All heavy atoms as atom14 arrays in JSON, in Angstrom:
{
  "sequence": "TRNGIDRYDPARFLDYKLELLQMLLFCLPRFDPAQETEFLKYAKH",
  "atom14_mask": [
    [1, 1, 1, 1, 1, 1, 1, 0, 0, 0, 0, 0, 0, 0],
    [1, 1, 1, 1, 1, 1, 1, 1, 1, 1, 1, 0, 0, 0],
    [1, 1, 1, 1, 1, 1, 1, 1, 0, 0, 0, 0, 0, 0],
    [1, 1, 1, 1, 0, 0, 0, 0, 0, 0, 0, 0, 0, 0],
    [1, 1, 1, 1, 1, 1, 1, 1, 0, 0, 0, 0, 0, 0],
    [1, 1, 1, 1, 1, 1, 1, 1, 0, 0, 0, 0, 0, 0],
    [1, 1, 1, 1, 1, 1, 1, 1, 1, 1, 1, 0, 0, 0],
    [1, 1, 1, 1, 1, 1, 1, 1, 1, 1, 1, 1, 0, 0],
    [1, 1, 1, 1, 1, 1, 1, 1, 0, 0, 0, 0, 0, 0],
    [1, 1, 1, 1, 1, 1, 1, 0, 0, 0, 0, 0, 0, 0],
    [1, 1, 1, 1, 1, 0, 0, 0, 0, 0, 0, 0, 0, 0],
    [1, 1, 1, 1, 1, 1, 1, 1, 1, 1, 1, 0, 0, 0],
    [1, 1, 1, 1, 1, 1, 1, 1, 1, 1, 1, 0, 0, 0],
    [1, 1, 1, 1, 1, 1, 1, 1, 0, 0, 0, 0, 0, 0],
    [1, 1, 1, 1, 1, 1, 1, 1, 0, 0, 0, 0, 0, 0],
    [1, 1, 1, 1, 1, 1, 1, 1, 1, 1, 1, 1, 0, 0],
    [1, 1, 1, 1, 1, 1, 1, 1, 1, 0, 0, 0, 0, 0],
    [1, 1, 1, 1, 1, 1, 1, 1, 0, 0, 0, 0, 0, 0],
    [1, 1, 1, 1, 1, 1, 1, 1, 1, 0, 0, 0, 0, 0],
    [1, 1, 1, 1, 1, 1, 1, 1, 0, 0, 0, 0, 0, 0],
    [1, 1, 1, 1, 1, 1, 1, 1, 0, 0, 0, 0, 0, 0],
    [1, 1, 1, 1, 1, 1, 1, 1, 1, 0, 0, 0, 0, 0],
    [1, 1, 1, 1, 1, 1, 1, 1, 0, 0, 0, 0, 0, 0],
    [1, 1, 1, 1, 1, 1, 1, 1, 0, 0, 0, 0, 0, 0],
    [1, 1, 1, 1, 1, 1, 1, 1, 0, 0, 0, 0, 0, 0],
    [1, 1, 1, 1, 1, 1, 1, 1, 1, 1, 1, 0, 0, 0],
    [1, 1, 1, 1, 1, 1, 0, 0, 0, 0, 0, 0, 0, 0],
    [1, 1, 1, 1, 1, 1, 1, 1, 0, 0, 0, 0, 0, 0],
    [1, 1, 1, 1, 1, 1, 1, 0, 0, 0, 0, 0, 0, 0],
    [1, 1, 1, 1, 1, 1, 1, 1, 1, 1, 1, 0, 0, 0],
    [1, 1, 1, 1, 1, 1, 1, 1, 1, 1, 1, 0, 0, 0],
    [1, 1, 1, 1, 1, 1, 1, 1, 0, 0, 0, 0, 0, 0],
    [1, 1, 1, 1, 1, 1, 1, 0, 0, 0, 0, 0, 0, 0],
    [1, 1, 1, 1, 1, 0, 0, 0, 0, 0, 0, 0, 0, 0],
    [1, 1, 1, 1, 1, 1, 1, 1, 1, 0, 0, 0, 0, 0],
    [1, 1, 1, 1, 1, 1, 1, 1, 1, 0, 0, 0, 0, 0],
    [1, 1, 1, 1, 1, 1, 1, 0, 0, 0, 0, 0, 0, 0],
    [1, 1, 1, 1, 1, 1, 1, 1, 1, 0, 0, 0, 0, 0],
    [1, 1, 1, 1, 1, 1, 1, 1, 1, 1, 1, 0, 0, 0],
    [1, 1, 1, 1, 1, 1, 1, 1, 0, 0, 0, 0, 0, 0],
    [1, 1, 1, 1, 1, 1, 1, 1, 1, 0, 0, 0, 0, 0],
    [1, 1, 1, 1, 1, 1, 1, 1, 1, 1, 1, 1, 0, 0],
    [1, 1, 1, 1, 1, 0, 0, 0, 0, 0, 0, 0, 0, 0],
    [1, 1, 1, 1, 1, 1, 1, 1, 1, 0, 0, 0, 0, 0],
    [1, 1, 1, 1, 1, 1, 1, 1, 1, 1, 0, 0, 0, 0]
  ],
  "atom14_positions": [
    [[95.51, 126.27, 112.9], [94.91, 127.34, 113.69], [95.77, 128.58, 113.67], [95.28, 129.7, 113.47], [94.7, 126.87, 115.15], [93.85, 125.73, 115.17], [94.08, 127.97, 115.99], [0.0, 0.0, 0.0], [0.0, 0.0, 0.0], [0.0, 0.0, 0.0], [0.0, 0.0, 0.0], [0.0, 0.0, 0.0], [0.0, 0.0, 0.0], [0.0, 0.0, 0.0]],
    [[97.07, 128.41, 113.89], [97.99, 129.55, 113.95], [98.09, 130.27, 112.6], [98.34, 131.46, 112.55], [99.37, 129.08, 114.4], [100.29, 130.22, 114.85], [101.66, 129.73, 115.27], [102.45, 129.29, 114.14], [103.04, 128.11, 114.06], [102.91, 127.24, 115.03], [103.77, 127.79, 113.01], [0.0, 0.0, 0.0], [0.0, 0.0, 0.0], [0.0, 0.0, 0.0]],
    [[97.9, 129.53, 111.51], [98.04, 130.12, 110.19], [96.7, 130.53, 109.58], [96.64, 130.87, 108.39], [98.76, 129.15, 109.25], [100.25, 129.08, 109.55], [101.03, 129.85, 109.0], [100.65, 128.18, 110.44], [0.0, 0.0, 0.0], [0.0, 0.0, 0.0], [0.0, 0.0, 0.0], [0.0, 0.0, 0.0], [0.0, 0.0, 0.0], [0.0, 0.0, 0.0]],
    [[95.64, 130.48, 110.37], [94.34, 130.94, 109.88], [93.74, 130.07, 108.8], [92.97, 130.55, 107.96], [0.0, 0.0, 0.0], [0.0, 0.0, 0.0], [0.0, 0.0, 0.0], [0.0, 0.0, 0.0], [0.0, 0.0, 0.0], [0.0, 0.0, 0.0], [0.0, 0.0, 0.0], [0.0, 0.0, 0.0], [0.0, 0.0, 0.0], [0.0, 0.0, 0.0]],
    [[94.06, 128.78, 108.8], [93.55, 127.84, 107.79], [92.44, 127.0, 108.41], [92.5, 126.63, 109.59], [94.68, 126.93, 107.28], [95.83, 127.78, 106.73], [94.17, 125.98, 106.2], [97.06, 126.96, 106.36], [0.0, 0.0, 0.0], [0.0, 0.0, 0.0], [0.0, 0.0, 0.0], [0.0, 0.0, 0.0], [0.0, 0.0, 0.0], [0.0, 0.0, 0.0]],
    [[91.42, 126.71, 107.63], [90.28, 125.93, 108.11], [90.75, 124.57, 108.61], [91.21, 123.73, 107.85], [89.26, 125.76, 106.98], [88.02, 124.98, 107.43], [87.9, 124.72, 108.65], [87.19, 124.65, 106.57], [0.0, 0.0, 0.0], [0.0, 0.0, 0.0], [0.0, 0.0, 0.0], [0.0, 0.0, 0.0], [0.0, 0.0, 0.0], [0.0, 0.0, 0.0]],
    [[90.64, 124.36, 109.92], [91.1, 123.09, 110.49], [90.0, 122.07, 110.59], [90.19, 120.99, 111.16], [91.75, 123.3, 111.85], [90.83, 123.83, 112.95], [91.0, 125.31, 113.12], [90.33, 125.81, 114.31], [89.88, 127.05, 114.41], [89.97, 127.87, 113.39], [89.32, 127.47, 115.51], [0.0, 0.0, 0.0], [0.0, 0.0, 0.0], [0.0, 0.0, 0.0]],
    [[88.82, 122.39, 110.06], [87.69, 121.45, 110.11], [87.37, 120.87, 108.74], [86.33, 120.24, 108.56], [86.45, 122.13, 110.69], [86.7, 122.75, 112.05], [86.58, 124.11, 112.25], [87.08, 121.95, 113.13], [86.83, 124.68, 113.49], [87.31, 122.51, 114.38], [87.19, 123.87, 114.55], [87.44, 124.43, 115.78], [0.0, 0.0, 0.0], [0.0, 0.0, 0.0]],
    [[88.24, 121.09, 107.75], [88.05, 120.54, 106.41], [88.72, 119.16, 106.38], [89.94, 119.07, 106.39], [88.69, 121.47, 105.39], [88.53, 120.97, 103.96], [88.18, 119.79, 103.77], [88.77, 121.76, 103.03], [0.0, 0.0, 0.0], [0.0, 0.0, 0.0], [0.0, 0.0, 0.0], [0.0, 0.0, 0.0], [0.0, 0.0, 0.0], [0.0, 0.0, 0.0]],
    [[87.94, 118.07, 106.36], [88.54, 116.73, 106.43], [89.54, 116.46, 105.31], [90.6, 115.86, 105.56], [87.33, 115.8, 106.33], [86.17, 116.62, 106.8], [86.47, 118.02, 106.34], [0.0, 0.0, 0.0], [0.0, 0.0, 0.0], [0.0, 0.0, 0.0], [0.0, 0.0, 0.0], [0.0, 0.0, 0.0], [0.0, 0.0, 0.0], [0.0, 0.0, 0.0]],
    [[89.23, 116.91, 104.09], [90.13, 116.63, 102.95], [91.47, 117.34, 103.16], [92.54, 116.76, 102.91], [89.48, 117.07, 101.65], [0.0, 0.0, 0.0], [0.0, 0.0, 0.0], [0.0, 0.0, 0.0], [0.0, 0.0, 0.0], [0.0, 0.0, 0.0], [0.0, 0.0, 0.0], [0.0, 0.0, 0.0], [0.0, 0.0, 0.0], [0.0, 0.0, 0.0]],
    [[91.42, 118.6, 103.59], [92.66, 119.34, 103.82], [93.45, 118.71, 104.97], [94.66, 118.55, 104.9], [92.38, 120.8, 104.13], [93.65, 121.59, 104.46], [93.39, 123.03, 104.81], [93.08, 123.82, 103.62], [91.9, 124.34, 103.34], [90.9, 124.18, 104.19], [91.7, 125.04, 102.24], [0.0, 0.0, 0.0], [0.0, 0.0, 0.0], [0.0, 0.0, 0.0]],
    [[92.75, 118.37, 106.04], [93.42, 117.76, 107.19], [94.1, 116.46, 106.77], [95.24, 116.17, 107.18], [92.4, 117.49, 108.29], [93.01, 117.34, 109.66], [93.09, 118.43, 110.51], [93.49, 116.11, 110.1], [93.65, 118.29, 111.79], [94.05, 115.97, 111.35], [94.13, 117.06, 112.2], [0.0, 0.0, 0.0], [0.0, 0.0, 0.0], [0.0, 0.0, 0.0]],
    [[93.44, 115.69, 105.92], [94.02, 114.43, 105.46], [95.24, 114.69, 104.58], [96.23, 113.96, 104.67], [92.97, 113.63, 104.67], [93.42, 112.27, 104.14], [93.85, 111.36, 105.3], [92.3, 111.61, 103.35], [0.0, 0.0, 0.0], [0.0, 0.0, 0.0], [0.0, 0.0, 0.0], [0.0, 0.0, 0.0], [0.0, 0.0, 0.0], [0.0, 0.0, 0.0]],
    [[95.19, 115.73, 103.75], [96.35, 116.08, 102.92], [97.57, 116.36, 103.8], [98.68, 115.89, 103.51], [96.04, 117.31, 102.07], [95.14, 116.99, 100.89], [95.01, 115.79, 100.55], [94.56, 117.92, 100.31], [0.0, 0.0, 0.0], [0.0, 0.0, 0.0], [0.0, 0.0, 0.0], [0.0, 0.0, 0.0], [0.0, 0.0, 0.0], [0.0, 0.0, 0.0]],
    [[97.37, 117.15, 104.85], [98.48, 117.47, 105.76], [98.99, 116.2, 106.45], [100.2, 116.0, 106.61], [98.02, 118.48, 106.82], [98.13, 119.92, 106.37], [97.21, 120.48, 105.49], [99.17, 120.72, 106.82], [97.3, 121.79, 105.08], [99.28, 122.05, 106.41], [98.34, 122.58, 105.55], [98.44, 123.89, 105.13], [0.0, 0.0, 0.0], [0.0, 0.0, 0.0]],
    [[98.07, 115.36, 106.84], [98.45, 114.15, 107.57], [99.27, 113.2, 106.7], [100.27, 112.63, 107.13], [97.19, 113.47, 108.07], [97.41, 112.56, 109.27], [96.08, 112.25, 109.93], [96.27, 111.44, 111.19], [94.99, 111.19, 111.88], [0.0, 0.0, 0.0], [0.0, 0.0, 0.0], [0.0, 0.0, 0.0], [0.0, 0.0, 0.0], [0.0, 0.0, 0.0]],
    [[98.84, 113.03, 105.45], [99.56, 112.15, 104.54], [100.91, 112.76, 104.15], [101.88, 112.02, 103.91], [98.72, 111.87, 103.3], [97.44, 111.07, 103.55], [96.66, 110.88, 102.25], [97.76, 109.71, 104.18], [0.0, 0.0, 0.0], [0.0, 0.0, 0.0], [0.0, 0.0, 0.0], [0.0, 0.0, 0.0], [0.0, 0.0, 0.0], [0.0, 0.0, 0.0]],
    [[100.98, 114.08, 104.09], [102.27, 114.74, 103.83], [103.25, 114.46, 104.96], [104.43, 114.17, 104.73], [102.06, 116.25, 103.67], [103.34, 117.04, 103.48], [104.11, 116.65, 102.24], [103.48, 116.33, 101.22], [105.35, 116.67, 102.29], [0.0, 0.0, 0.0], [0.0, 0.0, 0.0], [0.0, 0.0, 0.0], [0.0, 0.0, 0.0], [0.0, 0.0, 0.0]],
    [[102.77, 114.54, 106.21], [103.64, 114.26, 107.35], [104.01, 112.78, 107.4], [105.13, 112.43, 107.8], [102.97, 114.68, 108.65], [102.71, 116.18, 108.8], [102.32, 116.5, 110.24], [103.91, 117.01, 108.39], [0.0, 0.0, 0.0], [0.0, 0.0, 0.0], [0.0, 0.0, 0.0], [0.0, 0.0, 0.0], [0.0, 0.0, 0.0], [0.0, 0.0, 0.0]],
    [[103.1, 111.9, 106.99], [103.43, 110.48, 106.9], [104.58, 110.27, 105.92], [105.52, 109.51, 106.19], [102.2, 109.69, 106.45], [102.45, 108.21, 106.11], [102.93, 107.44, 107.33], [101.18, 107.57, 105.53], [0.0, 0.0, 0.0], [0.0, 0.0, 0.0], [0.0, 0.0, 0.0], [0.0, 0.0, 0.0], [0.0, 0.0, 0.0], [0.0, 0.0, 0.0]],
    [[104.51, 110.95, 104.79], [105.56, 110.82, 103.79], [106.9, 111.32, 104.34], [107.95, 110.72, 104.1], [105.18, 111.6, 102.52], [106.15, 111.37, 101.37], [105.61, 111.86, 100.04], [105.61, 111.14, 99.06], [105.16, 113.1, 100.0], [0.0, 0.0, 0.0], [0.0, 0.0, 0.0], [0.0, 0.0, 0.0], [0.0, 0.0, 0.0], [0.0, 0.0, 0.0]],
    [[106.87, 112.42, 105.1], [108.11, 112.95, 105.67], [108.68, 111.99, 106.72], [109.9, 111.83, 106.82], [107.85, 114.32, 106.29], [107.51, 115.4, 105.29], [108.74, 115.61, 103.97], [110.12, 116.29, 104.89], [0.0, 0.0, 0.0], [0.0, 0.0, 0.0], [0.0, 0.0, 0.0], [0.0, 0.0, 0.0], [0.0, 0.0, 0.0], [0.0, 0.0, 0.0]],
    [[107.82, 111.35, 107.5], [108.29, 110.38, 108.49], [108.92, 109.17, 107.81], [109.96, 108.65, 108.25], [107.14, 109.94, 109.39], [106.62, 110.98, 110.39], [105.35, 110.48, 111.06], [107.68, 111.31, 111.44], [0.0, 0.0, 0.0], [0.0, 0.0, 0.0], [0.0, 0.0, 0.0], [0.0, 0.0, 0.0], [0.0, 0.0, 0.0], [0.0, 0.0, 0.0]],
    [[108.3, 108.73, 106.72], [108.88, 107.61, 105.97], [110.18, 108.01, 105.29], [111.07, 107.18, 105.09], [107.87, 107.11, 104.92], [106.69, 106.31, 105.44], [105.66, 106.09, 104.34], [107.16, 104.97, 106.02], [0.0, 0.0, 0.0], [0.0, 0.0, 0.0], [0.0, 0.0, 0.0], [0.0, 0.0, 0.0], [0.0, 0.0, 0.0], [0.0, 0.0, 0.0]],
    [[110.3, 109.28, 104.94], [111.5, 109.78, 104.29], [112.69, 109.79, 105.25], [113.82, 109.44, 104.87], [111.24, 111.19, 103.76], [112.4, 111.8, 103.03], [112.91, 111.22, 101.88], [112.98, 112.96, 103.48], [113.98, 111.78, 101.2], [114.05, 113.55, 102.81], [114.55, 112.95, 101.67], [0.0, 0.0, 0.0], [0.0, 0.0, 0.0], [0.0, 0.0, 0.0]],
    [[112.44, 110.17, 106.51], [113.56, 110.28, 107.45], [113.79, 108.99, 108.24], [114.86, 108.83, 108.85], [113.35, 111.46, 108.4], [112.06, 111.23, 109.65], [0.0, 0.0, 0.0], [0.0, 0.0, 0.0], [0.0, 0.0, 0.0], [0.0, 0.0, 0.0], [0.0, 0.0, 0.0], [0.0, 0.0, 0.0], [0.0, 0.0, 0.0], [0.0, 0.0, 0.0]],
    [[112.82, 108.09, 108.24], [112.93, 106.87, 109.04], [114.21, 106.07, 108.79], [114.93, 105.74, 109.74], [111.69, 106.0, 108.81], [111.68, 104.64, 109.5], [111.62, 104.8, 111.01], [110.5, 103.8, 109.0], [0.0, 0.0, 0.0], [0.0, 0.0, 0.0], [0.0, 0.0, 0.0], [0.0, 0.0, 0.0], [0.0, 0.0, 0.0], [0.0, 0.0, 0.0]],
    [[114.55, 105.72, 107.53], [115.75, 104.91, 107.31], [117.05, 105.65, 107.65], [118.1, 105.02, 107.78], [115.69, 104.59, 105.8], [114.3, 104.9, 105.39], [113.84, 106.01, 106.28], [0.0, 0.0, 0.0], [0.0, 0.0, 0.0], [0.0, 0.0, 0.0], [0.0, 0.0, 0.0], [0.0, 0.0, 0.0], [0.0, 0.0, 0.0], [0.0, 0.0, 0.0]],
    [[116.98, 106.98, 107.77], [118.16, 107.77, 108.08], [118.43, 107.81, 109.59], [119.48, 108.3, 110.01], [117.98, 109.2, 107.56], [117.71, 109.26, 106.05], [117.15, 110.6, 105.62], [116.9, 110.63, 104.19], [117.43, 111.53, 103.36], [118.21, 112.48, 103.81], [117.15, 111.47, 102.07], [0.0, 0.0, 0.0], [0.0, 0.0, 0.0], [0.0, 0.0, 0.0]],
    [[117.47, 107.35, 110.36], [117.6, 107.39, 111.82], [118.47, 106.24, 112.3], [118.28, 105.09, 111.89], [116.21, 107.3, 112.46], [116.22, 107.28, 113.96], [116.59, 108.4, 114.68], [115.86, 106.13, 114.65], [116.6, 108.39, 116.07], [115.86, 106.1, 116.03], [116.24, 107.23, 116.74], [0.0, 0.0, 0.0], [0.0, 0.0, 0.0], [0.0, 0.0, 0.0]],
    [[119.42, 106.54, 113.17], [120.33, 105.53, 113.71], [119.85, 105.14, 115.11], [119.97, 105.93, 116.06], [121.75, 106.09, 113.79], [122.75, 105.04, 114.27], [122.33, 103.9, 114.56], [123.94, 105.37, 114.35], [0.0, 0.0, 0.0], [0.0, 0.0, 0.0], [0.0, 0.0, 0.0], [0.0, 0.0, 0.0], [0.0, 0.0, 0.0], [0.0, 0.0, 0.0]],
    [[119.3, 103.94, 115.28], [118.78, 103.53, 116.59], [119.85, 103.46, 117.66], [119.55, 103.51, 118.85], [118.2, 102.13, 116.32], [118.05, 102.04, 114.84], [119.11, 102.91, 114.26], [0.0, 0.0, 0.0], [0.0, 0.0, 0.0], [0.0, 0.0, 0.0], [0.0, 0.0, 0.0], [0.0, 0.0, 0.0], [0.0, 0.0, 0.0], [0.0, 0.0, 0.0]],
    [[121.13, 103.36, 117.25], [122.21, 103.24, 118.23], [122.47, 104.56, 118.95], [123.02, 104.58, 120.05], [123.49, 102.76, 117.53], [0.0, 0.0, 0.0], [0.0, 0.0, 0.0], [0.0, 0.0, 0.0], [0.0, 0.0, 0.0], [0.0, 0.0, 0.0], [0.0, 0.0, 0.0], [0.0, 0.0, 0.0], [0.0, 0.0, 0.0], [0.0, 0.0, 0.0]],
    [[122.1, 105.66, 118.33], [122.3, 106.96, 118.95], [121.24, 107.21, 120.01], [120.09, 106.81, 119.87], [122.28, 108.06, 117.9], [123.42, 107.99, 116.9], [123.42, 109.17, 115.95], [122.57, 110.04, 116.03], [124.39, 109.19, 115.06], [0.0, 0.0, 0.0], [0.0, 0.0, 0.0], [0.0, 0.0, 0.0], [0.0, 0.0, 0.0], [0.0, 0.0, 0.0]],
    [[121.63, 107.9, 121.06], [120.7, 108.2, 122.15], [119.91, 109.47, 121.84], [119.97, 110.46, 122.57], [121.46, 108.33, 123.47], [122.12, 107.03, 123.91], [122.8, 107.16, 125.26], [122.73, 108.26, 125.85], [123.4, 106.17, 125.71], [0.0, 0.0, 0.0], [0.0, 0.0, 0.0], [0.0, 0.0, 0.0], [0.0, 0.0, 0.0], [0.0, 0.0, 0.0]],
    [[119.18, 109.43, 120.74], [118.36, 110.56, 120.31], [116.94, 110.07, 120.09], [116.72, 109.04, 119.44], [118.9, 111.16, 118.99], [120.24, 111.57, 119.17], [118.05, 112.36, 118.58], [0.0, 0.0, 0.0], [0.0, 0.0, 0.0], [0.0, 0.0, 0.0], [0.0, 0.0, 0.0], [0.0, 0.0, 0.0], [0.0, 0.0, 0.0], [0.0, 0.0, 0.0]],
    [[115.98, 110.79, 120.65], [114.6, 110.42, 120.43], [114.24, 110.62, 118.96], [114.64, 111.62, 118.35], [113.67, 111.27, 121.31], [113.82, 111.0, 122.79], [112.88, 111.86, 123.61], [111.95, 112.46, 123.01], [113.06, 111.95, 124.83], [0.0, 0.0, 0.0], [0.0, 0.0, 0.0], [0.0, 0.0, 0.0], [0.0, 0.0, 0.0], [0.0, 0.0, 0.0]],
    [[113.47, 109.69, 118.41], [113.13, 109.77, 117.0], [112.37, 111.06, 116.68], [112.6, 111.69, 115.65], [112.3, 108.56, 116.59], [111.79, 108.62, 115.18], [112.66, 108.53, 114.1], [110.43, 108.82, 114.92], [112.2, 108.61, 112.79], [109.96, 108.88, 113.61], [110.84, 108.79, 112.56], [0.0, 0.0, 0.0], [0.0, 0.0, 0.0], [0.0, 0.0, 0.0]],
    [[111.45, 111.46, 117.55], [110.64, 112.65, 117.26], [111.48, 113.92, 117.27], [111.19, 114.87, 116.54], [109.49, 112.76, 118.26], [108.4, 111.71, 118.09], [107.32, 111.87, 119.15], [107.77, 111.79, 116.69], [0.0, 0.0, 0.0], [0.0, 0.0, 0.0], [0.0, 0.0, 0.0], [0.0, 0.0, 0.0], [0.0, 0.0, 0.0], [0.0, 0.0, 0.0]],
    [[112.52, 113.96, 118.09], [113.42, 115.11, 118.05], [114.22, 115.1, 116.75], [114.47, 116.15, 116.14], [114.36, 115.08, 119.25], [113.68, 115.38, 120.56], [114.67, 115.41, 121.72], [113.95, 115.79, 123.02], [114.88, 115.81, 124.18], [0.0, 0.0, 0.0], [0.0, 0.0, 0.0], [0.0, 0.0, 0.0], [0.0, 0.0, 0.0], [0.0, 0.0, 0.0]],
    [[114.62, 113.9, 116.33], [115.33, 113.77, 115.06], [114.43, 114.16, 113.89], [114.87, 114.81, 112.93], [115.81, 112.33, 114.89], [116.41, 112.03, 113.53], [117.71, 112.38, 113.23], [115.65, 111.39, 112.54], [118.27, 112.11, 111.99], [116.2, 111.11, 111.3], [117.5, 111.48, 111.03], [118.03, 111.22, 109.79], [0.0, 0.0, 0.0], [0.0, 0.0, 0.0]],
    [[113.15, 113.78, 113.97], [112.21, 114.0, 112.85], [111.58, 115.38, 112.86], [110.86, 115.73, 111.92], [111.11, 112.94, 112.89], [0.0, 0.0, 0.0], [0.0, 0.0, 0.0], [0.0, 0.0, 0.0], [0.0, 0.0, 0.0], [0.0, 0.0, 0.0], [0.0, 0.0, 0.0], [0.0, 0.0, 0.0], [0.0, 0.0, 0.0], [0.0, 0.0, 0.0]],
    [[111.83, 116.19, 113.9], [111.14, 117.47, 114.04], [111.32, 118.36, 112.82], [110.36, 118.94, 112.31], [111.64, 118.19, 115.29], [110.96, 119.53, 115.54], [111.43, 120.16, 116.83], [110.73, 121.49, 117.07], [111.16, 122.13, 118.33], [0.0, 0.0, 0.0], [0.0, 0.0, 0.0], [0.0, 0.0, 0.0], [0.0, 0.0, 0.0], [0.0, 0.0, 0.0]],
    [[112.53, 118.46, 112.3], [112.79, 119.31, 111.14], [112.01, 118.82, 109.92], [111.46, 119.63, 109.16], [114.29, 119.34, 110.84], [114.65, 120.08, 109.59], [114.62, 121.46, 109.51], [114.98, 119.65, 108.35], [114.96, 121.85, 108.29], [115.19, 120.77, 107.56], [0.0, 0.0, 0.0], [0.0, 0.0, 0.0], [0.0, 0.0, 0.0], [0.0, 0.0, 0.0]]
  ]
}
């Protein structure tokens, strides 16, 4: 919405969603559960 991109295109929305899934899988093994940091704050970048 903020970038003026069609947010009702299912294929585009799915592309973004799968890209974010890949990024979550990319950072997941790097996360240290022993640290007192929320995963979503760690994964924000």
